[in-house]
PDB file of N, CA and C in Angstrom:
ATOM      1  N   MET A   1      11.171   2.062  -8.046  1.00  0.00           N
ATOM      2  CA  MET A   1      11.188   0.799  -7.335  1.00  0.00           C
ATOM      3  C   MET A   1       9.754   0.324  -7.146  1.00  0.00           C
ATOM      4  N   LYS A   2       9.576  -0.981  -7.166  1.00  0.00           N
ATOM      5  CA  LYS A   2       8.276  -1.605  -6.938  1.00  0.00           C
ATOM      6  C   LYS A   2       8.327  -2.301  -5.580  1.00  0.00           C
ATOM      7  N   VAL A   3       7.316  -2.062  -4.756  1.00  0.00           N
ATOM      8  CA  VAL A   3       7.293  -2.573  -3.381  1.00  0.00           C
ATOM      9  C   VAL A   3       6.178  -3.605  -3.236  1.00  0.00           C
ATOM     10  N   TYR A   4       6.509  -4.719  -2.607  1.00  0.00           N
ATOM     11  CA  TYR A   4       5.575  -5.822  -2.400  1.00  0.00           C
ATOM     12  C   TYR A   4       5.423  -6.044  -0.899  1.00  0.00           C
ATOM     13  N   LEU A   5       4.269  -5.630  -0.358  1.00  0.00           N
ATOM     14  CA  LEU A   5       4.012  -5.767   1.083  1.00  0.00           C
ATOM     15  C   LEU A   5       3.324  -7.091   1.363  1.00  0.00           C
ATOM     16  N   ASP A   6       4.033  -7.988   2.020  1.00  0.00           N
ATOM     17  CA  ASP A   6       3.473  -9.289   2.358  1.00  0.00           C
ATOM     18  C   ASP A   6       4.361  -9.945   3.409  1.00  0.00           C
ATOM     19  N   ASP A   7       3.747 -10.656   4.339  1.00  0.00           N
ATOM     20  CA  ASP A   7       4.529 -11.319   5.384  1.00  0.00           C
ATOM     21  C   ASP A   7       4.776 -12.791   5.099  1.00  0.00           C
ATOM     22  N   GLU A   8       4.116 -13.371   4.078  1.00  0.00           N
ATOM     23  CA  GLU A   8       4.252 -14.801   3.822  1.00  0.00           C
ATOM     24  C   GLU A   8       4.643 -15.141   2.390  1.00  0.00           C
ATOM     25  N   ARG A   9       4.035 -14.496   1.432  1.00  0.00           N
ATOM     26  CA  ARG A   9       4.301 -14.829   0.029  1.00  0.00           C
ATOM     27  C   ARG A   9       5.713 -14.413  -0.368  1.00  0.00           C
ATOM     28  N   ALA A  10       6.259 -15.149  -1.319  1.00  0.00           N
ATOM     29  CA  ALA A  10       7.569 -14.791  -1.867  1.00  0.00           C
ATOM     30  C   ALA A  10       7.446 -13.499  -2.665  1.00  0.00           C
ATOM     31  N   THR A  11       8.440 -12.659  -2.551  1.00  0.00           N
ATOM     32  CA  THR A  11       8.454 -11.401  -3.286  1.00  0.00           C
ATOM     33  C   THR A  11       8.803 -11.684  -4.745  1.00  0.00           C
ATOM     34  N   PRO A  12       7.970 -11.190  -5.669  1.00  0.00           N
ATOM     35  CA  PRO A  12       8.261 -11.429  -7.091  1.00  0.00           C
ATOM     36  C   PRO A  12       9.591 -10.797  -7.509  1.00  0.00           C
ATOM     37  N   ASP A  13      10.204 -11.373  -8.529  1.00  0.00           N
ATOM     38  CA  ASP A  13      11.434 -10.811  -9.077  1.00  0.00           C
ATOM     39  C   ASP A  13      11.194  -9.370  -9.503  1.00  0.00           C
ATOM     40  N   GLY A  14      12.156  -8.525  -9.200  1.00  0.00           N
ATOM     41  CA  GLY A  14      12.063  -7.120  -9.589  1.00  0.00           C
ATOM     42  C   GLY A  14      11.339  -6.245  -8.590  1.00  0.00           C
ATOM     43  N   TRP A  15      10.858  -6.836  -7.510  1.00  0.00           N
ATOM     44  CA  TRP A  15      10.145  -6.093  -6.472  1.00  0.00           C
ATOM     45  C   TRP A  15      10.994  -6.066  -5.199  1.00  0.00           C
ATOM     46  N   VAL A  16      10.774  -5.040  -4.378  1.00  0.00           N
ATOM     47  CA  VAL A  16      11.438  -4.917  -3.083  1.00  0.00           C
ATOM     48  C   VAL A  16      10.468  -5.394  -2.012  1.00  0.00           C
ATOM     49  N   ALA A  17      10.925  -6.265  -1.130  1.00  0.00           N
ATOM     50  CA  ALA A  17      10.070  -6.802  -0.071  1.00  0.00           C
ATOM     51  C   ALA A  17       9.874  -5.787   1.047  1.00  0.00           C
ATOM     52  N   ALA A  18       8.638  -5.707   1.511  1.00  0.00           N
ATOM     53  CA  ALA A  18       8.301  -4.981   2.737  1.00  0.00           C
ATOM     54  C   ALA A  18       7.438  -5.939   3.543  1.00  0.00           C
ATOM     55  N   ARG A  19       7.789  -6.149   4.790  1.00  0.00           N
ATOM     56  CA  ARG A  19       7.043  -7.105   5.617  1.00  0.00           C
ATOM     57  C   ARG A  19       6.000  -6.438   6.496  1.00  0.00           C
ATOM     58  N   TRP A  20       6.208  -5.168   6.793  1.00  0.00           N
ATOM     59  CA  TRP A  20       5.314  -4.457   7.707  1.00  0.00           C
ATOM     60  C   TRP A  20       4.913  -3.113   7.098  1.00  0.00           C
ATOM     61  N   PRO A  21       3.768  -2.567   7.493  1.00  0.00           N
ATOM     62  CA  PRO A  21       3.333  -1.271   6.958  1.00  0.00           C
ATOM     63  C   PRO A  21       4.381  -0.172   7.111  1.00  0.00           C
ATOM     64  N   GLU A  22       5.062  -0.135   8.255  1.00  0.00           N
ATOM     65  CA  GLU A  22       6.051   0.931   8.453  1.00  0.00           C
ATOM     66  C   GLU A  22       7.217   0.815   7.474  1.00  0.00           C
ATOM     67  N   ASP A  23       7.530  -0.416   7.049  1.00  0.00           N
ATOM     68  CA  ASP A  23       8.574  -0.599   6.034  1.00  0.00           C
ATOM     69  C   ASP A  23       8.125  -0.018   4.697  1.00  0.00           C
ATOM     70  N   ALA A  24       6.883  -0.328   4.321  1.00  0.00           N
ATOM     71  CA  ALA A  24       6.343   0.172   3.051  1.00  0.00           C
ATOM     72  C   ALA A  24       6.247   1.698   3.065  1.00  0.00           C
ATOM     73  N   ILE A  25       5.806   2.257   4.169  1.00  0.00           N
ATOM     74  CA  ILE A  25       5.674   3.714   4.277  1.00  0.00           C
ATOM     75  C   ILE A  25       7.043   4.383   4.192  1.00  0.00           C
ATOM     76  N   ALA A  26       8.035   3.804   4.835  1.00  0.00           N
ATOM     77  CA  ALA A  26       9.390   4.374   4.757  1.00  0.00           C
ATOM     78  C   ALA A  26       9.872   4.394   3.307  1.00  0.00           C
ATOM     79  N   LEU A  27       9.579   3.345   2.557  1.00  0.00           N
ATOM     80  CA  LEU A  27       9.968   3.320   1.150  1.00  0.00           C
ATOM     81  C   LEU A  27       9.166   4.344   0.349  1.00  0.00           C
ATOM     82  N   LEU A  28       7.872   4.465   0.625  1.00  0.00           N
ATOM     83  CA  LEU A  28       7.049   5.464  -0.062  1.00  0.00           C
ATOM     84  C   LEU A  28       7.582   6.873   0.187  1.00  0.00           C
ATOM     85  N   GLU A  29       8.032   7.127   1.384  1.00  0.00           N
ATOM     86  CA  GLU A  29       8.533   8.458   1.734  1.00  0.00           C
ATOM     87  C   GLU A  29       9.788   8.845   0.954  1.00  0.00           C
ATOM     88  N   THR A  30      10.469   7.878   0.366  1.00  0.00           N
ATOM     89  CA  THR A  30      11.650   8.198  -0.439  1.00  0.00           C
ATOM     90  C   THR A  30      11.268   8.867  -1.754  1.00  0.00           C
ATOM     91  N   GLY A  31      10.004   8.705  -2.169  1.00  0.00           N
ATOM     92  CA  GLY A  31       9.563   9.262  -3.436  1.00  0.00           C
ATOM     93  C   GLY A  31      10.018   8.455  -4.642  1.00  0.00           C
ATOM     94  N   GLN A  32      10.555   7.266  -4.417  1.00  0.00           N
ATOM     95  CA  GLN A  32      11.096   6.452  -5.508  1.00  0.00           C
ATOM     96  C   GLN A  32      10.235   5.238  -5.855  1.00  0.00           C
ATOM     97  N   VAL A  33       9.090   5.089  -5.187  1.00  0.00           N
ATOM     98  CA  VAL A  33       8.223   3.929  -5.426  1.00  0.00           C
ATOM     99  C   VAL A  33       7.323   4.227  -6.622  1.00  0.00           C
ATOM    100  N   THR A  34       7.392   3.364  -7.629  1.00  0.00           N
ATOM    101  CA  THR A  34       6.571   3.529  -8.823  1.00  0.00           C
ATOM    102  C   THR A  34       5.342   2.627  -8.804  1.00  0.00           C
ATOM    103  N   ALA A  35       5.403   1.556  -8.020  1.00  0.00           N
ATOM    104  CA  ALA A  35       4.283   0.624  -7.895  1.00  0.00           C
ATOM    105  C   ALA A  35       4.346  -0.012  -6.519  1.00  0.00           C
ATOM    106  N   ILE A  36       3.166  -0.317  -5.986  1.00  0.00           N
ATOM    107  CA  ILE A  36       3.100  -1.005  -4.699  1.00  0.00           C
ATOM    108  C   ILE A  36       1.973  -2.027  -4.771  1.00  0.00           C
ATOM    109  N   SER A  37       2.237  -3.226  -4.275  1.00  0.00           N
ATOM    110  CA  SER A  37       1.241  -4.283  -4.206  1.00  0.00           C
ATOM    111  C   SER A  37       1.071  -4.644  -2.736  1.00  0.00           C
ATOM    112  N   LEU A  38      -0.176  -4.670  -2.289  1.00  0.00           N
ATOM    113  CA  LEU A  38      -0.448  -4.780  -0.856  1.00  0.00           C
ATOM    114  C   LEU A  38      -1.257  -6.017  -0.486  1.00  0.00           C
ATOM    115  N   ASP A  39      -0.799  -6.684   0.557  1.00  0.00           N
ATOM    116  CA  ASP A  39      -1.583  -7.706   1.240  1.00  0.00           C
ATOM    117  C   ASP A  39      -2.257  -6.997   2.419  1.00  0.00           C
ATOM    118  N   HIS A  40      -3.340  -7.525   2.916  1.00  0.00           N
ATOM    119  CA  HIS A  40      -4.007  -6.921   4.067  1.00  0.00           C
ATOM    120  C   HIS A  40      -3.514  -7.537   5.366  1.00  0.00           C
ATOM    121  N   ASP A  41      -3.718  -8.821   5.524  1.00  0.00           N
ATOM    122  CA  ASP A  41      -3.415  -9.508   6.783  1.00  0.00           C
ATOM    123  C   ASP A  41      -1.932  -9.834   6.850  1.00  0.00           C
ATOM    124  N   LEU A  42      -1.252  -9.228   7.822  1.00  0.00           N
ATOM    125  CA  LEU A  42       0.197  -9.377   7.900  1.00  0.00           C
ATOM    126  C   LEU A  42       0.665 -10.164   9.115  1.00  0.00           C
ATOM    127  N   GLY A  43      -0.250 -10.788   9.825  1.00  0.00           N
ATOM    128  CA  GLY A  43       0.140 -11.718  10.874  1.00  0.00           C
ATOM    129  C   GLY A  43       0.507 -11.118  12.213  1.00  0.00           C
ATOM    130  N   ASP A  44       0.522  -9.815  12.336  1.00  0.00           N
ATOM    131  CA  ASP A  44       0.887  -9.188  13.607  1.00  0.00           C
ATOM    132  C   ASP A  44       0.093  -7.900  13.745  1.00  0.00           C
ATOM    133  N   ASP A  45      -0.953  -7.929  14.532  1.00  0.00           N
ATOM    134  CA  ASP A  45      -1.829  -6.766  14.670  1.00  0.00           C
ATOM    135  C   ASP A  45      -1.106  -5.544  15.229  1.00  0.00           C
ATOM    136  N   LEU A  46       0.005  -5.740  15.915  1.00  0.00           N
ATOM    137  CA  LEU A  46       0.747  -4.597  16.446  1.00  0.00           C
ATOM    138  C   LEU A  46       1.345  -3.744  15.328  1.00  0.00           C
ATOM    139  N   HIS A  47       1.660  -4.375  14.209  1.00  0.00           N
ATOM    140  CA  HIS A  47       2.254  -3.655  13.087  1.00  0.00           C
ATOM    141  C   HIS A  47       1.204  -3.048  12.164  1.00  0.00           C
ATOM    142  N   GLY A  48       0.004  -3.576  12.159  1.00  0.00           N
ATOM    143  CA  GLY A  48      -1.044  -3.061  11.290  1.00  0.00           C
ATOM    144  C   GLY A  48      -1.239  -3.927  10.063  1.00  0.00           C
ATOM    145  N   THR A  49      -1.889  -3.331   9.052  1.00  0.00           N
ATOM    146  CA  THR A  49      -2.287  -4.058   7.848  1.00  0.00           C
ATOM    147  C   THR A  49      -1.928  -3.254   6.602  1.00  0.00           C
ATOM    148  N   GLY A  50      -2.142  -3.880   5.466  1.00  0.00           N
ATOM    149  CA  GLY A  50      -1.951  -3.172   4.212  1.00  0.00           C
ATOM    150  C   GLY A  50      -2.901  -1.991   4.078  1.00  0.00           C
ATOM    151  N   TYR A  51      -4.059  -2.083   4.705  1.00  0.00           N
ATOM    152  CA  TYR A  51      -5.012  -0.967   4.677  1.00  0.00           C
ATOM    153  C   TYR A  51      -4.405   0.273   5.333  1.00  0.00           C
ATOM    154  N   ASP A  52      -3.591   0.084   6.349  1.00  0.00           N
ATOM    155  CA  ASP A  52      -2.935   1.220   7.010  1.00  0.00           C
ATOM    156  C   ASP A  52      -2.022   1.973   6.039  1.00  0.00           C
ATOM    157  N   VAL A  53      -1.390   1.242   5.137  1.00  0.00           N
ATOM    158  CA  VAL A  53      -0.549   1.889   4.125  1.00  0.00           C
ATOM    159  C   VAL A  53      -1.420   2.740   3.206  1.00  0.00           C
ATOM    160  N   LEU A  54      -2.574   2.206   2.825  1.00  0.00           N
ATOM    161  CA  LEU A  54      -3.482   2.983   1.976  1.00  0.00           C
ATOM    162  C   LEU A  54      -3.976   4.235   2.688  1.00  0.00           C
ATOM    163  N   CYS A  55      -4.242   4.137   3.977  1.00  0.00           N
ATOM    164  CA  CYS A  55      -4.663   5.320   4.738  1.00  0.00           C
ATOM    165  C   CYS A  55      -3.553   6.357   4.767  1.00  0.00           C
ATOM    166  N   TRP A  56      -2.297   5.916   4.893  1.00  0.00           N
ATOM    167  CA  TRP A  56      -1.166   6.844   4.862  1.00  0.00           C
ATOM    168  C   TRP A  56      -1.075   7.519   3.497  1.00  0.00           C
ATOM    169  N   ILE A  57      -1.196   6.720   2.422  1.00  0.00           N
ATOM    170  CA  ILE A  57      -1.146   7.289   1.071  1.00  0.00           C
ATOM    171  C   ILE A  57      -2.264   8.307   0.884  1.00  0.00           C
ATOM    172  N   GLU A  58      -3.468   7.947   1.304  1.00  0.00           N
ATOM    173  CA  GLU A  58      -4.608   8.855   1.154  1.00  0.00           C
ATOM    174  C   GLU A  58      -4.362  10.180   1.868  1.00  0.00           C
ATOM    175  N   ALA A  59      -3.883  10.119   3.100  1.00  0.00           N
ATOM    176  CA  ALA A  59      -3.612  11.349   3.857  1.00  0.00           C
ATOM    177  C   ALA A  59      -2.496  12.156   3.202  1.00  0.00           C
ATOM    178  N   ALA A  60      -1.465  11.487   2.707  1.00  0.00           N
ATOM    179  CA  ALA A  60      -0.348  12.192   2.072  1.00  0.00           C
ATOM    180  C   ALA A  60      -0.796  12.872   0.780  1.00  0.00           C
ATOM    181  N   VAL A  61      -1.654  12.216   0.021  1.00  0.00           N
ATOM    182  CA  VAL A  61      -2.183  12.811  -1.213  1.00  0.00           C
ATOM    183  C   VAL A  61      -3.039  14.022  -0.873  1.00  0.00           C
ATOM    184  N   ALA A  62      -3.905  13.873   0.131  1.00  0.00           N
ATOM    185  CA  ALA A  62      -4.847  14.934   0.484  1.00  0.00           C
ATOM    186  C   ALA A  62      -4.182  16.142   1.118  1.00  0.00           C
ATOM    187  N   THR A  63      -3.143  15.909   1.911  1.00  0.00           N
ATOM    188  CA  THR A  63      -2.579  17.019   2.685  1.00  0.00           C
ATOM    189  C   THR A  63      -1.239  17.544   2.173  1.00  0.00           C
ATOM    190  N   ARG A  64      -0.518  16.711   1.404  1.00  0.00           N
ATOM    191  CA  ARG A  64       0.825  17.128   0.984  1.00  0.00           C
ATOM    192  C   ARG A  64       1.028  17.112  -0.517  1.00  0.00           C
ATOM    193  N   GLY A  65      -0.004  16.739  -1.256  1.00  0.00           N
ATOM    194  CA  GLY A  65       0.159  16.656  -2.698  1.00  0.00           C
ATOM    195  C   GLY A  65       1.036  15.490  -3.137  1.00  0.00           C
ATOM    196  N   PHE A  66       1.142  14.482  -2.290  1.00  0.00           N
ATOM    197  CA  PHE A  66       1.926  13.284  -2.608  1.00  0.00           C
ATOM    198  C   PHE A  66       1.370  12.633  -3.874  1.00  0.00           C
ATOM    199  N   ILE A  67       2.248  12.262  -4.779  1.00  0.00           N
ATOM    200  CA  ILE A  67       1.834  11.550  -5.988  1.00  0.00           C
ATOM    201  C   ILE A  67       1.995  10.057  -5.716  1.00  0.00           C
ATOM    202  N   PRO A  68       0.875   9.332  -5.657  1.00  0.00           N
ATOM    203  CA  PRO A  68       0.962   7.916  -5.292  1.00  0.00           C
ATOM    204  C   PRO A  68       1.504   7.062  -6.443  1.00  0.00           C
ATOM    205  N   PRO A  69       2.102   5.942  -6.091  1.00  0.00           N
ATOM    206  CA  PRO A  69       2.515   4.992  -7.128  1.00  0.00           C
ATOM    207  C   PRO A  69       1.287   4.243  -7.649  1.00  0.00           C
ATOM    208  N   ARG A  70       1.495   3.421  -8.651  1.00  0.00           N
ATOM    209  CA  ARG A  70       0.437   2.520  -9.103  1.00  0.00           C
ATOM    210  C   ARG A  70       0.181   1.535  -7.960  1.00  0.00           C
ATOM    211  N   ILE A  71      -1.079   1.357  -7.600  1.00  0.00           N
ATOM    212  CA  ILE A  71      -1.444   0.538  -6.441  1.00  0.00           C
ATOM    213  C   ILE A  71      -2.187  -0.709  -6.897  1.00  0.00           C
ATOM    214  N   SER A  72      -1.747  -1.868  -6.405  1.00  0.00           N
ATOM    215  CA  SER A  72      -2.500  -3.099  -6.616  1.00  0.00           C
ATOM    216  C   SER A  72      -2.654  -3.807  -5.275  1.00  0.00           C
ATOM    217  N   ILE A  73      -3.649  -4.659  -5.230  1.00  0.00           N
ATOM    218  CA  ILE A  73      -3.979  -5.380  -3.992  1.00  0.00           C
ATOM    219  C   ILE A  73      -3.929  -6.871  -4.295  1.00  0.00           C
ATOM    220  N   HIS A  74      -3.201  -7.612  -3.490  1.00  0.00           N
ATOM    221  CA  HIS A  74      -3.129  -9.062  -3.695  1.00  0.00           C
ATOM    222  C   HIS A  74      -3.630  -9.845  -2.474  1.00  0.00           C
ATOM    223  N   SER A  75      -4.399  -9.204  -1.630  1.00  0.00           N
ATOM    224  CA  SER A  75      -4.926  -9.860  -0.432  1.00  0.00           C
ATOM    225  C   SER A  75      -5.935 -10.945  -0.803  1.00  0.00           C
ATOM    226  N   ALA A  76      -5.864 -12.073  -0.089  1.00  0.00           N
ATOM    227  CA  ALA A  76      -6.820 -13.157  -0.284  1.00  0.00           C
ATOM    228  C   ALA A  76      -8.054 -12.991   0.609  1.00  0.00           C
ATOM    229  N   ASN A  77      -8.070 -11.972   1.451  1.00  0.00           N
ATOM    230  CA  ASN A  77      -9.179 -11.714   2.365  1.00  0.00           C
ATOM    231  C   ASN A  77     -10.230 -10.891   1.606  1.00  0.00           C
ATOM    232  N   PRO A  78     -11.379 -11.494   1.251  1.00  0.00           N
ATOM    233  CA  PRO A  78     -12.348 -10.808   0.384  1.00  0.00           C
ATOM    234  C   PRO A  78     -12.891  -9.494   0.954  1.00  0.00           C
ATOM    235  N   SER A  79     -13.250  -9.469   2.218  1.00  0.00           N
ATOM    236  CA  SER A  79     -13.812  -8.229   2.774  1.00  0.00           C
ATOM    237  C   SER A  79     -12.736  -7.152   2.900  1.00  0.00           C
ATOM    238  N   ALA A  80     -11.530  -7.556   3.258  1.00  0.00           N
ATOM    239  CA  ALA A  80     -10.435  -6.590   3.351  1.00  0.00           C
ATOM    240  C   ALA A  80     -10.077  -6.061   1.969  1.00  0.00           C
ATOM    241  N   ARG A  81     -10.091  -6.926   0.969  1.00  0.00           N
ATOM    242  CA  ARG A  81      -9.798  -6.507  -0.401  1.00  0.00           C
ATOM    243  C   ARG A  81     -10.793  -5.430  -0.844  1.00  0.00           C
ATOM    244  N   GLN A  82     -12.063  -5.641  -0.521  1.00  0.00           N
ATOM    245  CA  GLN A  82     -13.088  -4.663  -0.888  1.00  0.00           C
ATOM    246  C   GLN A  82     -12.836  -3.325  -0.185  1.00  0.00           C
ATOM    247  N   LYS A  83     -12.527  -3.367   1.097  1.00  0.00           N
ATOM    248  CA  LYS A  83     -12.231  -2.149   1.852  1.00  0.00           C
ATOM    249  C   LYS A  83     -11.021  -1.429   1.269  1.00  0.00           C
ATOM    250  N   MET A  84     -10.016  -2.197   0.905  1.00  0.00           N
ATOM    251  CA  MET A  84      -8.805  -1.611   0.327  1.00  0.00           C
ATOM    252  C   MET A  84      -9.093  -0.998  -1.044  1.00  0.00           C
ATOM    253  N   GLN A  85      -9.917  -1.664  -1.840  1.00  0.00           N
ATOM    254  CA  GLN A  85     -10.260  -1.127  -3.156  1.00  0.00           C
ATOM    255  C   GLN A  85     -11.002   0.196  -3.020  1.00  0.00           C
ATOM    256  N   LEU A  86     -11.871   0.315  -2.027  1.00  0.00           N
ATOM    257  CA  LEU A  86     -12.567   1.583  -1.786  1.00  0.00           C
ATOM    258  C   LEU A  86     -11.574   2.682  -1.408  1.00  0.00           C
ATOM    259  N   ALA A  87     -10.538   2.331  -0.661  1.00  0.00           N
ATOM    260  CA  ALA A  87      -9.506   3.316  -0.316  1.00  0.00           C
ATOM    261  C   ALA A  87      -8.762   3.777  -1.568  1.00  0.00           C
ATOM    262  N   VAL A  88      -8.466   2.849  -2.471  1.00  0.00           N
ATOM    263  CA  VAL A  88      -7.799   3.215  -3.728  1.00  0.00           C
ATOM    264  C   VAL A  88      -8.692   4.163  -4.525  1.00  0.00           C
ATOM    265  N   GLU A  89      -9.980   3.901  -4.546  1.00  0.00           N
ATOM    266  CA  GLU A  89     -10.911   4.783  -5.258  1.00  0.00           C
ATOM    267  C   GLU A  89     -10.942   6.174  -4.631  1.00  0.00           C
ATOM    268  N   ARG A  90     -10.868   6.257  -3.310  1.00  0.00           N
ATOM    269  CA  ARG A  90     -10.820   7.566  -2.649  1.00  0.00           C
ATOM    270  C   ARG A  90      -9.542   8.309  -3.027  1.00  0.00           C
ATOM    271  N   ILE A  91      -8.432   7.593  -3.060  1.00  0.00           N
ATOM    272  CA  ILE A  91      -7.162   8.203  -3.459  1.00  0.00           C
ATOM    273  C   ILE A  91      -7.278   8.730  -4.884  1.00  0.00           C
ATOM    274  N   ASP A  92      -7.844   7.941  -5.770  1.00  0.00           N
ATOM    275  CA  ASP A  92      -8.001   8.350  -7.169  1.00  0.00           C
ATOM    276  C   ASP A  92      -8.844   9.625  -7.286  1.00  0.00           C
ATOM    277  N   ARG A  93      -9.850   9.763  -6.451  1.00  0.00           N
ATOM    278  CA  ARG A  93     -10.712  10.956  -6.503  1.00  0.00           C
ATOM    279  C   ARG A  93      -9.920  12.231  -6.169  1.00  0.00           C
ATOM    280  N   PHE A  94      -8.934  12.129  -5.299  1.00  0.00           N
ATOM    281  CA  PHE A  94      -8.110  13.303  -4.980  1.00  0.00           C
ATOM    282  C   PHE A  94      -7.276  13.734  -6.185  1.00  0.00           C
ATOM    283  N   LEU A  95      -7.002  12.809  -7.077  1.00  0.00           N
ATOM    284  CA  LEU A  95      -6.108  13.083  -8.199  1.00  0.00           C
ATOM    285  C   LEU A  95      -6.836  13.631  -9.426  1.00  0.00           C
ATOM    286  N   LYS A  96      -8.162  13.497  -9.433  1.00  0.00           N
ATOM    287  CA  LYS A  96      -8.935  13.968 -10.579  1.00  0.00           C
ATOM    288  C   LYS A  96      -9.291  15.433 -10.416  1.00  0.00           C
ATOM    289  N   PRO A  97      -9.112  16.214 -11.503  1.00  0.00           N
ATOM    290  CA  PRO A  97      -9.435  17.656 -11.418  1.00  0.00           C
ATOM    291  C   PRO A  97     -10.910  17.924 -11.280  1.00  0.00           C
TER     292      PRO A  97
END
């Protein structure tokens, strides 16, 4: 399954919508996510951001041997996009021998 985390944009065909980080994480925990596309700003600070999902993935890879899906970022927030890309690079480093 492909997961699209966003609170405003329409979910592309063939993707499963997740509106909040906890929704995306619950789907990741199923082990069935093959790709995930993340927005950063989700409109409700109580729920968190797309970066929080990346932090969860990073911790799961580092501590549980979680195999992450293909990760893409579609955030329009330039500084958040950069921060998220650095998180993806950290995740990738855990996967390299």
